[in-house]
Amino acid sequence: MRGLSVRWSLADAPAGAAQELRDYVADASHARFSGMTGLRFKTWRMREGEWFEGTYVFVSDEARAEFEAGFRPNAGEAPVSKIAGSGPVLIEPFEVVAIAEGWDGFASSPRG
């Protein structure tokens, strides 16, 4: 499996950016990526006032490369870039060695 991390700094983000990011994920981004072809899963992570990150796991090198090729040229105009006040500070491909799902499984709702 192939992964991609995209991270934005929130160090200089406008006041209220953390809540705006939560709302964006719940109202738009979660639905956009749910059921996306070639994507195994995506997580949204944040350390308020520090950084916000999208972490993607794709089924293949090709799926990751296709997504990255479409995202990278316009990353500075992405909705998260507009909310954070700047483009990503990191776009990093990586290998996923394995995933273990715990007894309680995944909770995928952005509001709960």
PDB file of N, CA and C in Angstrom:
ATOM      1  N   MET A   1       0.843  -1.179   0.000  1.00  0.00           N
ATOM      2  CA  MET A   1       0.000   0.000   0.000  1.00  0.00           C
ATOM      3  C   MET A   1       0.882   1.234   0.000  1.00  0.00           C
ATOM      4  N   ARG A   2       0.386   2.264  -0.579  1.00  0.00           N
ATOM      5  CA  ARG A   2       1.141   3.499  -0.702  1.00  0.00           C
ATOM      6  C   ARG A   2       0.407   4.633  -0.017  1.00  0.00           C
ATOM      7  N   GLY A   3       1.153   5.435   0.750  1.00  0.00           N
ATOM      8  CA  GLY A   3       0.560   6.540   1.485  1.00  0.00           C
ATOM      9  C   GLY A   3       1.068   7.875   0.994  1.00  0.00           C
ATOM     10  N   LEU A   4       0.360   8.915   1.420  1.00  0.00           N
ATOM     11  CA  LEU A   4       0.743  10.292   1.127  1.00  0.00           C
ATOM     12  C   LEU A   4       0.305  11.149   2.303  1.00  0.00           C
ATOM     13  N   SER A   5       1.237  11.926   2.848  1.00  0.00           N
ATOM     14  CA  SER A   5       0.919  12.883   3.905  1.00  0.00           C
ATOM     15  C   SER A   5       0.996  14.277   3.320  1.00  0.00           C
ATOM     16  N   VAL A   6      -0.001  15.094   3.642  1.00  0.00           N
ATOM     17  CA  VAL A   6       0.002  16.498   3.246  1.00  0.00           C
ATOM     18  C   VAL A   6      -0.234  17.294   4.521  1.00  0.00           C
ATOM     19  N   ARG A   7       0.732  18.144   4.873  1.00  0.00           N
ATOM     20  CA  ARG A   7       0.672  18.870   6.150  1.00  0.00           C
ATOM     21  C   ARG A   7       0.771  20.372   5.923  1.00  0.00           C
ATOM     22  N   TRP A   8      -0.064  21.088   6.664  1.00  0.00           N
ATOM     23  CA  TRP A   8      -0.069  22.543   6.665  1.00  0.00           C
ATOM     24  C   TRP A   8       0.326  23.032   8.053  1.00  0.00           C
ATOM     25  N   SER A   9       1.071  24.102   8.118  1.00  0.00           N
ATOM     26  CA  SER A   9       1.363  24.741   9.395  1.00  0.00           C
ATOM     27  C   SER A   9       0.165  25.584   9.810  1.00  0.00           C
ATOM     28  N   LEU A  10      -0.160  25.532  11.085  1.00  0.00           N
ATOM     29  CA  LEU A  10      -1.205  26.399  11.633  1.00  0.00           C
ATOM     30  C   LEU A  10      -0.609  27.470  12.550  1.00  0.00           C
ATOM     31  N   ALA A  11       0.723  27.562  12.577  1.00  0.00           N
ATOM     32  CA  ALA A  11       1.397  28.505  13.472  1.00  0.00           C
ATOM     33  C   ALA A  11       0.960  29.947  13.224  1.00  0.00           C
ATOM     34  N   ASP A  12       0.738  30.304  11.960  1.00  0.00           N
ATOM     35  CA  ASP A  12       0.330  31.668  11.623  1.00  0.00           C
ATOM     36  C   ASP A  12      -1.071  31.722  11.021  1.00  0.00           C
ATOM     37  N   ALA A  13      -1.864  30.680  11.271  1.00  0.00           N
ATOM     38  CA  ALA A  13      -3.219  30.612  10.715  1.00  0.00           C
ATOM     39  C   ALA A  13      -4.117  31.661  11.381  1.00  0.00           C
ATOM     40  N   PRO A  14      -5.127  32.116  10.679  1.00  0.00           N
ATOM     41  CA  PRO A  14      -6.057  33.085  11.267  1.00  0.00           C
ATOM     42  C   PRO A  14      -6.782  32.505  12.481  1.00  0.00           C
ATOM     43  N   ALA A  15      -7.238  33.371  13.354  1.00  0.00           N
ATOM     44  CA  ALA A  15      -8.032  32.942  14.505  1.00  0.00           C
ATOM     45  C   ALA A  15      -9.256  32.179  14.002  1.00  0.00           C
ATOM     46  N   GLY A  16      -9.584  31.104  14.670  1.00  0.00           N
ATOM     47  CA  GLY A  16     -10.746  30.305  14.293  1.00  0.00           C
ATOM     48  C   GLY A  16     -10.470  29.259  13.239  1.00  0.00           C
ATOM     49  N   ALA A  17      -9.234  29.165  12.762  1.00  0.00           N
ATOM     50  CA  ALA A  17      -8.919  28.220  11.686  1.00  0.00           C
ATOM     51  C   ALA A  17      -9.173  26.774  12.096  1.00  0.00           C
ATOM     52  N   ALA A  18      -8.864  26.404  13.315  1.00  0.00           N
ATOM     53  CA  ALA A  18      -9.050  25.009  13.747  1.00  0.00           C
ATOM     54  C   ALA A  18     -10.507  24.597  13.632  1.00  0.00           C
ATOM     55  N   GLN A  19     -11.422  25.440  14.094  1.00  0.00           N
ATOM     56  CA  GLN A  19     -12.844  25.099  13.983  1.00  0.00           C
ATOM     57  C   GLN A  19     -13.297  25.105  12.533  1.00  0.00           C
ATOM     58  N   GLU A  20     -12.782  26.035  11.761  1.00  0.00           N
ATOM     59  CA  GLU A  20     -13.130  26.078  10.337  1.00  0.00           C
ATOM     60  C   GLU A  20     -12.655  24.807   9.625  1.00  0.00           C
ATOM     61  N   LEU A  21     -11.498  24.291   9.998  1.00  0.00           N
ATOM     62  CA  LEU A  21     -11.001  23.041   9.423  1.00  0.00           C
ATOM     63  C   LEU A  21     -11.894  21.869   9.836  1.00  0.00           C
ATOM     64  N   ARG A  22     -12.285  21.805  11.101  1.00  0.00           N
ATOM     65  CA  ARG A  22     -13.201  20.747  11.541  1.00  0.00           C
ATOM     66  C   ARG A  22     -14.496  20.789  10.736  1.00  0.00           C
ATOM     67  N   ASP A  23     -15.037  21.990  10.572  1.00  0.00           N
ATOM     68  CA  ASP A  23     -16.286  22.139   9.820  1.00  0.00           C
ATOM     69  C   ASP A  23     -16.106  21.765   8.356  1.00  0.00           C
ATOM     70  N   TYR A  24     -14.991  22.162   7.761  1.00  0.00           N
ATOM     71  CA  TYR A  24     -14.722  21.819   6.364  1.00  0.00           C
ATOM     72  C   TYR A  24     -14.672  20.302   6.174  1.00  0.00           C
ATOM     73  N   VAL A  25     -13.978  19.612   7.071  1.00  0.00           N
ATOM     74  CA  VAL A  25     -13.906  18.154   6.970  1.00  0.00           C
ATOM     75  C   VAL A  25     -15.302  17.556   7.092  1.00  0.00           C
ATOM     76  N   ALA A  26     -16.054  17.987   8.094  1.00  0.00           N
ATOM     77  CA  ALA A  26     -17.390  17.424   8.328  1.00  0.00           C
ATOM     78  C   ALA A  26     -18.370  17.756   7.207  1.00  0.00           C
ATOM     79  N   ASP A  27     -18.297  18.963   6.674  1.00  0.00           N
ATOM     80  CA  ASP A  27     -19.294  19.418   5.711  1.00  0.00           C
ATOM     81  C   ASP A  27     -18.957  19.125   4.253  1.00  0.00           C
ATOM     82  N   ALA A  28     -17.680  18.909   3.934  1.00  0.00           N
ATOM     83  CA  ALA A  28     -17.308  18.756   2.523  1.00  0.00           C
ATOM     84  C   ALA A  28     -16.272  17.671   2.265  1.00  0.00           C
ATOM     85  N   SER A  29     -15.153  17.725   2.961  1.00  0.00           N
ATOM     86  CA  SER A  29     -14.031  16.862   2.615  1.00  0.00           C
ATOM     87  C   SER A  29     -14.319  15.382   2.873  1.00  0.00           C
ATOM     88  N   HIS A  30     -14.943  15.071   3.993  1.00  0.00           N
ATOM     89  CA  HIS A  30     -15.236  13.671   4.319  1.00  0.00           C
ATOM     90  C   HIS A  30     -16.061  13.025   3.204  1.00  0.00           C
ATOM     91  N   ALA A  31     -17.088  13.687   2.754  1.00  0.00           N
ATOM     92  CA  ALA A  31     -17.934  13.144   1.681  1.00  0.00           C
ATOM     93  C   ALA A  31     -17.162  13.011   0.373  1.00  0.00           C
ATOM     94  N   ARG A  32     -16.274  13.957   0.099  1.00  0.00           N
ATOM     95  CA  ARG A  32     -15.497  13.914  -1.143  1.00  0.00           C
ATOM     96  C   ARG A  32     -14.635  12.660  -1.229  1.00  0.00           C
ATOM     97  N   PHE A  33     -14.055  12.242  -0.110  1.00  0.00           N
ATOM     98  CA  PHE A  33     -13.141  11.109  -0.133  1.00  0.00           C
ATOM     99  C   PHE A  33     -13.799   9.778   0.193  1.00  0.00           C
ATOM    100  N   SER A  34     -14.980   9.789   0.767  1.00  0.00           N
ATOM    101  CA  SER A  34     -15.678   8.534   1.059  1.00  0.00           C
ATOM    102  C   SER A  34     -16.061   7.844  -0.246  1.00  0.00           C
ATOM    103  N   GLY A  35     -15.603   6.616  -0.411  1.00  0.00           N
ATOM    104  CA  GLY A  35     -15.907   5.861  -1.622  1.00  0.00           C
ATOM    105  C   GLY A  35     -15.038   6.198  -2.820  1.00  0.00           C
ATOM    106  N   MET A  36     -13.983   6.979  -2.637  1.00  0.00           N
ATOM    107  CA  MET A  36     -13.112   7.371  -3.748  1.00  0.00           C
ATOM    108  C   MET A  36     -12.362   6.154  -4.299  1.00  0.00           C
ATOM    109  N   THR A  37     -12.405   5.975  -5.587  1.00  0.00           N
ATOM    110  CA  THR A  37     -11.709   4.886  -6.256  1.00  0.00           C
ATOM    111  C   THR A  37     -10.205   5.012  -6.045  1.00  0.00           C
ATOM    112  N   GLY A  38      -9.563   3.898  -5.707  1.00  0.00           N
ATOM    113  CA  GLY A  38      -8.115   3.871  -5.530  1.00  0.00           C
ATOM    114  C   GLY A  38      -7.646   4.247  -4.137  1.00  0.00           C
ATOM    115  N   LEU A  39      -8.556   4.747  -3.297  1.00  0.00           N
ATOM    116  CA  LEU A  39      -8.210   5.162  -1.942  1.00  0.00           C
ATOM    117  C   LEU A  39      -8.702   4.117  -0.953  1.00  0.00           C
ATOM    118  N   ARG A  40      -7.806   3.618  -0.120  1.00  0.00           N
ATOM    119  CA  ARG A  40      -8.222   2.695   0.946  1.00  0.00           C
ATOM    120  C   ARG A  40      -8.848   3.475   2.094  1.00  0.00           C
ATOM    121  N   PHE A  41      -8.155   4.532   2.547  1.00  0.00           N
ATOM    122  CA  PHE A  41      -8.728   5.398   3.567  1.00  0.00           C
ATOM    123  C   PHE A  41      -7.951   6.696   3.654  1.00  0.00           C
ATOM    124  N   LYS A  42      -8.567   7.665   4.299  1.00  0.00           N
ATOM    125  CA  LYS A  42      -7.923   8.951   4.573  1.00  0.00           C
ATOM    126  C   LYS A  42      -8.220   9.305   6.020  1.00  0.00           C
ATOM    127  N   THR A  43      -7.234   9.871   6.689  1.00  0.00           N
ATOM    128  CA  THR A  43      -7.448  10.427   8.021  1.00  0.00           C
ATOM    129  C   THR A  43      -7.074  11.901   7.996  1.00  0.00           C
ATOM    130  N   TRP A  44      -7.743  12.661   8.828  1.00  0.00           N
ATOM    131  CA  TRP A  44      -7.459  14.073   9.006  1.00  0.00           C
ATOM    132  C   TRP A  44      -6.953  14.226  10.430  1.00  0.00           C
ATOM    133  N   ARG A  45      -5.766  14.798  10.584  1.00  0.00           N
ATOM    134  CA  ARG A  45      -5.163  14.942  11.912  1.00  0.00           C
ATOM    135  C   ARG A  45      -4.836  16.411  12.157  1.00  0.00           C
ATOM    136  N   MET A  46      -4.897  16.812  13.429  1.00  0.00           N
ATOM    137  CA  MET A  46      -4.594  18.200  13.739  1.00  0.00           C
ATOM    138  C   MET A  46      -4.020  18.308  15.155  1.00  0.00           C
ATOM    139  N   ARG A  47      -3.048  19.192  15.283  1.00  0.00           N
ATOM    140  CA  ARG A  47      -2.597  19.696  16.586  1.00  0.00           C
ATOM    141  C   ARG A  47      -2.892  21.187  16.523  1.00  0.00           C
ATOM    142  N   GLU A  48      -3.973  21.570  17.186  1.00  0.00           N
ATOM    143  CA  GLU A  48      -4.467  22.939  17.099  1.00  0.00           C
ATOM    144  C   GLU A  48      -3.352  23.943  17.387  1.00  0.00           C
ATOM    145  N   GLY A  49      -3.231  24.926  16.497  1.00  0.00           N
ATOM    146  CA  GLY A  49      -2.193  25.948  16.628  1.00  0.00           C
ATOM    147  C   GLY A  49      -0.836  25.518  16.102  1.00  0.00           C
ATOM    148  N   GLU A  50      -0.706  24.248  15.735  1.00  0.00           N
ATOM    149  CA  GLU A  50       0.574  23.732  15.239  1.00  0.00           C
ATOM    150  C   GLU A  50       0.482  23.272  13.784  1.00  0.00           C
ATOM    151  N   TRP A  51      -0.348  22.255  13.507  1.00  0.00           N
ATOM    152  CA  TRP A  51      -0.424  21.734  12.150  1.00  0.00           C
ATOM    153  C   TRP A  51      -1.748  21.004  11.903  1.00  0.00           C
ATOM    154  N   PHE A  52      -2.075  20.865  10.625  1.00  0.00           N
ATOM    155  CA  PHE A  52      -3.226  20.097  10.148  1.00  0.00           C
ATOM    156  C   PHE A  52      -2.703  19.197   9.039  1.00  0.00           C
ATOM    157  N   GLU A  53      -3.167  17.950   9.004  1.00  0.00           N
ATOM    158  CA  GLU A  53      -2.623  16.997   8.039  1.00  0.00           C
ATOM    159  C   GLU A  53      -3.698  16.084   7.477  1.00  0.00           C
ATOM    160  N   GLY A  54      -3.603  15.826   6.191  1.00  0.00           N
ATOM    161  CA  GLY A  54      -4.362  14.765   5.549  1.00  0.00           C
ATOM    162  C   GLY A  54      -3.416  13.606   5.284  1.00  0.00           C
ATOM    163  N   THR A  55      -3.800  12.412   5.737  1.00  0.00           N
ATOM    164  CA  THR A  55      -2.989  11.221   5.508  1.00  0.00           C
ATOM    165  C   THR A  55      -3.814  10.248   4.690  1.00  0.00           C
ATOM    166  N   TYR A  56      -3.306   9.883   3.529  1.00  0.00           N
ATOM    167  CA  TYR A  56      -4.015   9.046   2.566  1.00  0.00           C
ATOM    168  C   TYR A  56      -3.312   7.703   2.437  1.00  0.00           C
ATOM    169  N   VAL A  57      -4.080   6.647   2.257  1.00  0.00           N
ATOM    170  CA  VAL A  57      -3.524   5.337   1.934  1.00  0.00           C
ATOM    171  C   VAL A  57      -4.232   4.845   0.674  1.00  0.00           C
ATOM    172  N   PHE A  58      -3.436   4.590  -0.361  1.00  0.00           N
ATOM    173  CA  PHE A  58      -3.941   4.197  -1.670  1.00  0.00           C
ATOM    174  C   PHE A  58      -3.695   2.718  -1.931  1.00  0.00           C
ATOM    175  N   VAL A  59      -4.406   2.158  -2.886  1.00  0.00           N
ATOM    176  CA  VAL A  59      -4.274   0.737  -3.218  1.00  0.00           C
ATOM    177  C   VAL A  59      -3.013   0.436  -4.019  1.00  0.00           C
ATOM    178  N   SER A  60      -2.438   1.456  -4.668  1.00  0.00           N
ATOM    179  CA  SER A  60      -1.297   1.195  -5.557  1.00  0.00           C
ATOM    180  C   SER A  60      -0.462   2.450  -5.747  1.00  0.00           C
ATOM    181  N   ASP A  61       0.738   2.254  -6.282  1.00  0.00           N
ATOM    182  CA  ASP A  61       1.590   3.374  -6.655  1.00  0.00           C
ATOM    183  C   ASP A  61       0.882   4.269  -7.669  1.00  0.00           C
ATOM    184  N   GLU A  62       0.202   3.631  -8.606  1.00  0.00           N
ATOM    185  CA  GLU A  62      -0.475   4.380  -9.669  1.00  0.00           C
ATOM    186  C   GLU A  62      -1.570   5.280  -9.112  1.00  0.00           C
ATOM    187  N   ALA A  63      -2.363   4.754  -8.173  1.00  0.00           N
ATOM    188  CA  ALA A  63      -3.447   5.550  -7.584  1.00  0.00           C
ATOM    189  C   ALA A  63      -2.878   6.736  -6.814  1.00  0.00           C
ATOM    190  N   ARG A  64      -1.810   6.497  -6.058  1.00  0.00           N
ATOM    191  CA  ARG A  64      -1.190   7.595  -5.320  1.00  0.00           C
ATOM    192  C   ARG A  64      -0.603   8.625  -6.283  1.00  0.00           C
ATOM    193  N   ALA A  65       0.115   8.162  -7.295  1.00  0.00           N
ATOM    194  CA  ALA A  65       0.750   9.072  -8.251  1.00  0.00           C
ATOM    195  C   ALA A  65      -0.294   9.916  -8.982  1.00  0.00           C
ATOM    196  N   GLU A  66      -1.413   9.312  -9.341  1.00  0.00           N
ATOM    197  CA  GLU A  66      -2.473  10.054 -10.033  1.00  0.00           C
ATOM    198  C   GLU A  66      -3.047  11.145  -9.129  1.00  0.00           C
ATOM    199  N   PHE A  67      -3.324  10.789  -7.874  1.00  0.00           N
ATOM    200  CA  PHE A  67      -3.852  11.786  -6.946  1.00  0.00           C
ATOM    201  C   PHE A  67      -2.832  12.902  -6.721  1.00  0.00           C
ATOM    202  N   GLU A  68      -1.593  12.534  -6.448  1.00  0.00           N
ATOM    203  CA  GLU A  68      -0.549  13.525  -6.170  1.00  0.00           C
ATOM    204  C   GLU A  68      -0.330  14.450  -7.361  1.00  0.00           C
ATOM    205  N   ALA A  69      -0.333  13.903  -8.572  1.00  0.00           N
ATOM    206  CA  ALA A  69      -0.131  14.715  -9.770  1.00  0.00           C
ATOM    207  C   ALA A  69      -1.242  15.741  -9.946  1.00  0.00           C
ATOM    208  N   GLY A  70      -2.459  15.381  -9.539  1.00  0.00           N
ATOM    209  CA  GLY A  70      -3.566  16.328  -9.619  1.00  0.00           C
ATOM    210  C   GLY A  70      -3.583  17.335  -8.484  1.00  0.00           C
ATOM    211  N   PHE A  71      -3.079  16.946  -7.320  1.00  0.00           N
ATOM    212  CA  PHE A  71      -3.118  17.812  -6.149  1.00  0.00           C
ATOM    213  C   PHE A  71      -1.956  18.799  -6.090  1.00  0.00           C
ATOM    214  N   ARG A  72      -0.762  18.317  -6.315  1.00  0.00           N
ATOM    215  CA  ARG A  72       0.460  19.098  -6.081  1.00  0.00           C
ATOM    216  C   ARG A  72       0.490  20.451  -6.810  1.00  0.00           C
ATOM    217  N   PRO A  73       0.155  20.535  -8.112  1.00  0.00           N
ATOM    218  CA  PRO A  73       0.275  21.825  -8.807  1.00  0.00           C
ATOM    219  C   PRO A  73      -0.626  22.927  -8.249  1.00  0.00           C
ATOM    220  N   ASN A  74      -1.738  22.551  -7.638  1.00  0.00           N
ATOM    221  CA  ASN A  74      -2.689  23.545  -7.129  1.00  0.00           C
ATOM    222  C   ASN A  74      -2.821  23.499  -5.612  1.00  0.00           C
ATOM    223  N   ALA A  75      -1.842  22.904  -4.930  1.00  0.00           N
ATOM    224  CA  ALA A  75      -1.928  22.723  -3.483  1.00  0.00           C
ATOM    225  C   ALA A  75      -2.107  24.047  -2.738  1.00  0.00           C
ATOM    226  N   GLY A  76      -1.522  25.097  -3.238  1.00  0.00           N
ATOM    227  CA  GLY A  76      -1.637  26.398  -2.585  1.00  0.00           C
ATOM    228  C   GLY A  76      -3.025  27.000  -2.667  1.00  0.00           C
ATOM    229  N   GLU A  77      -3.851  26.472  -3.567  1.00  0.00           N
ATOM    230  CA  GLU A  77      -5.226  26.947  -3.726  1.00  0.00           C
ATOM    231  C   GLU A  77      -6.255  25.987  -3.125  1.00  0.00           C
ATOM    232  N   ALA A  78      -5.791  24.905  -2.519  1.00  0.00           N
ATOM    233  CA  ALA A  78      -6.702  23.923  -1.914  1.00  0.00           C
ATOM    234  C   ALA A  78      -7.495  24.584  -0.786  1.00  0.00           C
ATOM    235  N   PRO A  79      -8.694  24.085  -0.507  1.00  0.00           N
ATOM    236  CA  PRO A  79      -9.494  24.668   0.574  1.00  0.00           C
ATOM    237  C   PRO A  79      -8.745  24.765   1.905  1.00  0.00           C
ATOM    238  N   VAL A  80      -7.975  23.750   2.263  1.00  0.00           N
ATOM    239  CA  VAL A  80      -7.239  23.804   3.529  1.00  0.00           C
ATOM    240  C   VAL A  80      -6.180  24.904   3.477  1.00  0.00           C
ATOM    241  N   SER A  81      -5.544  25.094   2.336  1.00  0.00           N
ATOM    242  CA  SER A  81      -4.556  26.169   2.211  1.00  0.00           C
ATOM    243  C   SER A  81      -5.204  27.529   2.445  1.00  0.00           C
ATOM    244  N   LYS A  82      -6.390  27.702   1.933  1.00  0.00           N
ATOM    245  CA  LYS A  82      -7.101  28.975   2.126  1.00  0.00           C
ATOM    246  C   LYS A  82      -7.470  29.174   3.591  1.00  0.00           C
ATOM    247  N   ILE A  83      -7.908  28.118   4.254  1.00  0.00           N
ATOM    248  CA  ILE A  83      -8.271  28.220   5.668  1.00  0.00           C
ATOM    249  C   ILE A  83      -7.031  28.463   6.527  1.00  0.00           C
ATOM    250  N   ALA A  84      -5.947  27.734   6.240  1.00  0.00           N
ATOM    251  CA  ALA A  84      -4.715  27.846   7.026  1.00  0.00           C
ATOM    252  C   ALA A  84      -3.952  29.141   6.727  1.00  0.00           C
ATOM    253  N   GLY A  85      -4.220  29.745   5.581  1.00  0.00           N
ATOM    254  CA  GLY A  85      -3.536  30.981   5.215  1.00  0.00           C
ATOM    255  C   GLY A  85      -2.247  30.776   4.460  1.00  0.00           C
ATOM    256  N   SER A  86      -1.922  29.506   4.125  1.00  0.00           N
ATOM    257  CA  SER A  86      -0.715  29.209   3.348  1.00  0.00           C
ATOM    258  C   SER A  86      -0.805  27.781   2.823  1.00  0.00           C
ATOM    259  N   GLY A  87       0.031  27.491   1.830  1.00  0.00           N
ATOM    260  CA  GLY A  87       0.066  26.160   1.236  1.00  0.00           C
ATOM    261  C   GLY A  87       0.724  25.143   2.150  1.00  0.00           C
ATOM    262  N   PRO A  88       0.715  23.877   1.738  1.00  0.00           N
ATOM    263  CA  PRO A  88       1.315  22.822   2.555  1.00  0.00           C
ATOM    264  C   PRO A  88       2.813  23.037   2.764  1.00  0.00           C
ATOM    265  N   VAL A  89       3.274  22.639   3.940  1.00  0.00           N
ATOM    266  CA  VAL A  89       4.704  22.677   4.244  1.00  0.00           C
ATOM    267  C   VAL A  89       5.346  21.325   3.954  1.00  0.00           C
ATOM    268  N   LEU A  90       4.528  20.313   3.730  1.00  0.00           N
ATOM    269  CA  LEU A  90       5.033  18.963   3.473  1.00  0.00           C
ATOM    270  C   LEU A  90       4.052  18.209   2.597  1.00  0.00           C
ATOM    271  N   ILE A  91       4.560  17.607   1.540  1.00  0.00           N
ATOM    272  CA  ILE A  91       3.817  16.630   0.741  1.00  0.00           C
ATOM    273  C   ILE A  91       4.764  15.454   0.612  1.00  0.00           C
ATOM    274  N   GLU A  92       4.463  14.364   1.328  1.00  0.00           N
ATOM    275  CA  GLU A  92       5.432  13.283   1.472  1.00  0.00           C
ATOM    276  C   GLU A  92       4.821  11.915   1.180  1.00  0.00           C
ATOM    277  N   PRO A  93       5.269  11.254   0.114  1.00  0.00           N
ATOM    278  CA  PRO A  93       4.851   9.874  -0.142  1.00  0.00           C
ATOM    279  C   PRO A  93       5.543   8.927   0.843  1.00  0.00           C
ATOM    280  N   PHE A  94       4.879   7.822   1.173  1.00  0.00           N
ATOM    281  CA  PHE A  94       5.473   6.825   2.062  1.00  0.00           C
ATOM    282  C   PHE A  94       4.869   5.455   1.780  1.00  0.00           C
ATOM    283  N   GLU A  95       5.502   4.441   2.315  1.00  0.00           N
ATOM    284  CA  GLU A  95       5.021   3.069   2.199  1.00  0.00           C
ATOM    285  C   GLU A  95       4.275   2.697   3.478  1.00  0.00           C
ATOM    286  N   VAL A  96       3.125   2.049   3.326  1.00  0.00           N
ATOM    287  CA  VAL A  96       2.399   1.497   4.469  1.00  0.00           C
ATOM    288  C   VAL A  96       2.774   0.023   4.533  1.00  0.00           C
ATOM    289  N   VAL A  97       3.420  -0.376   5.598  1.00  0.00           N
ATOM    290  CA  VAL A  97       3.878  -1.751   5.742  1.00  0.00           C
ATOM    291  C   VAL A  97       2.717  -2.664   6.115  1.00  0.00           C
ATOM    292  N   ALA A  98       1.870  -2.225   7.027  1.00  0.00           N
ATOM    293  CA  ALA A  98       0.714  -3.031   7.445  1.00  0.00           C
ATOM    294  C   ALA A  98      -0.263  -2.150   8.203  1.00  0.00           C
ATOM    295  N   ILE A  99      -1.495  -2.612   8.296  1.00  0.00           N
ATOM    296  CA  ILE A  99      -2.539  -1.953   9.077  1.00  0.00           C
ATOM    297  C   ILE A  99      -3.219  -3.030   9.919  1.00  0.00           C
ATOM    298  N   ALA A 100      -3.361  -2.780  11.193  1.00  0.00           N
ATOM    299  CA  ALA A 100      -4.097  -3.686  12.074  1.00  0.00           C
ATOM    300  C   ALA A 100      -5.361  -2.969  12.515  1.00  0.00           C
ATOM    301  N   GLU A 101      -6.496  -3.596  12.313  1.00  0.00           N
ATOM    302  CA  GLU A 101      -7.759  -3.029  12.769  1.00  0.00           C
ATOM    303  C   GLU A 101      -8.100  -3.647  14.116  1.00  0.00           C
ATOM    304  N   GLY A 102      -8.291  -2.816  15.112  1.00  0.00           N
ATOM    305  CA  GLY A 102      -8.615  -3.293  16.450  1.00  0.00           C
ATOM    306  C   GLY A 102     -10.029  -3.852  16.539  1.00  0.00           C
ATOM    307  N   TRP A 103     -10.309  -4.462  17.660  1.00  0.00           N
ATOM    308  CA  TRP A 103     -11.614  -5.090  17.901  1.00  0.00           C
ATOM    309  C   TRP A 103     -12.766  -4.129  17.646  1.00  0.00           C
ATOM    310  N   ASP A 104     -12.598  -2.868  18.041  1.00  0.00           N
ATOM    311  CA  ASP A 104     -13.670  -1.891  17.916  1.00  0.00           C
ATOM    312  C   ASP A 104     -13.787  -1.282  16.531  1.00  0.00           C
ATOM    313  N   GLY A 105     -12.897  -1.645  15.614  1.00  0.00           N
ATOM    314  CA  GLY A 105     -12.994  -1.183  14.223  1.00  0.00           C
ATOM    315  C   GLY A 105     -12.775   0.306  14.068  1.00  0.00           C
ATOM    316  N   PHE A 106     -13.040   0.796  12.866  1.00  0.00           N
ATOM    317  CA  PHE A 106     -12.868   2.200  12.554  1.00  0.00           C
ATOM    318  C   PHE A 106     -14.167   2.954  12.776  1.00  0.00           C
ATOM    319  N   ALA A 107     -14.071   4.142  13.306  1.00  0.00           N
ATOM    320  CA  ALA A 107     -15.199   5.072  13.386  1.00  0.00           C
ATOM    321  C   ALA A 107     -14.929   6.147  12.340  1.00  0.00           C
ATOM    322  N   SER A 108     -15.794   6.269  11.362  1.00  0.00           N
ATOM    323  CA  SER A 108     -15.464   7.158  10.249  1.00  0.00           C
ATOM    324  C   SER A 108     -16.218   8.483  10.251  1.00  0.00           C
ATOM    325  N   SER A 109     -17.097   8.713  11.188  1.00  0.00           N
ATOM    326  CA  SER A 109     -17.867   9.934  11.196  1.00  0.00           C
ATOM    327  C   SER A 109     -17.018  11.123  11.621  1.00  0.00           C
ATOM    328  N   PRO A 110     -17.109  12.241  10.879  1.00  0.00           N
ATOM    329  CA  PRO A 110     -16.332  13.416  11.262  1.00  0.00           C
ATOM    330  C   PRO A 110     -16.934  14.181  12.432  1.00  0.00           C
ATOM    331  N   ARG A 111     -18.125  13.854  12.837  1.00  0.00           N
ATOM    332  CA  ARG A 111     -18.784  14.565  13.947  1.00  0.00           C
ATOM    333  C   ARG A 111     -19.200  13.586  15.022  1.00  0.00           C
ATOM    334  N   GLY A 112     -18.238  12.931  15.625  1.00  0.00           N
ATOM    335  CA  GLY A 112     -18.682  12.017  16.641  1.00  0.00           C
ATOM    336  C   GLY A 112     -17.624  11.305  17.279  1.00  0.00           C
TER     337      GLY A 112
END
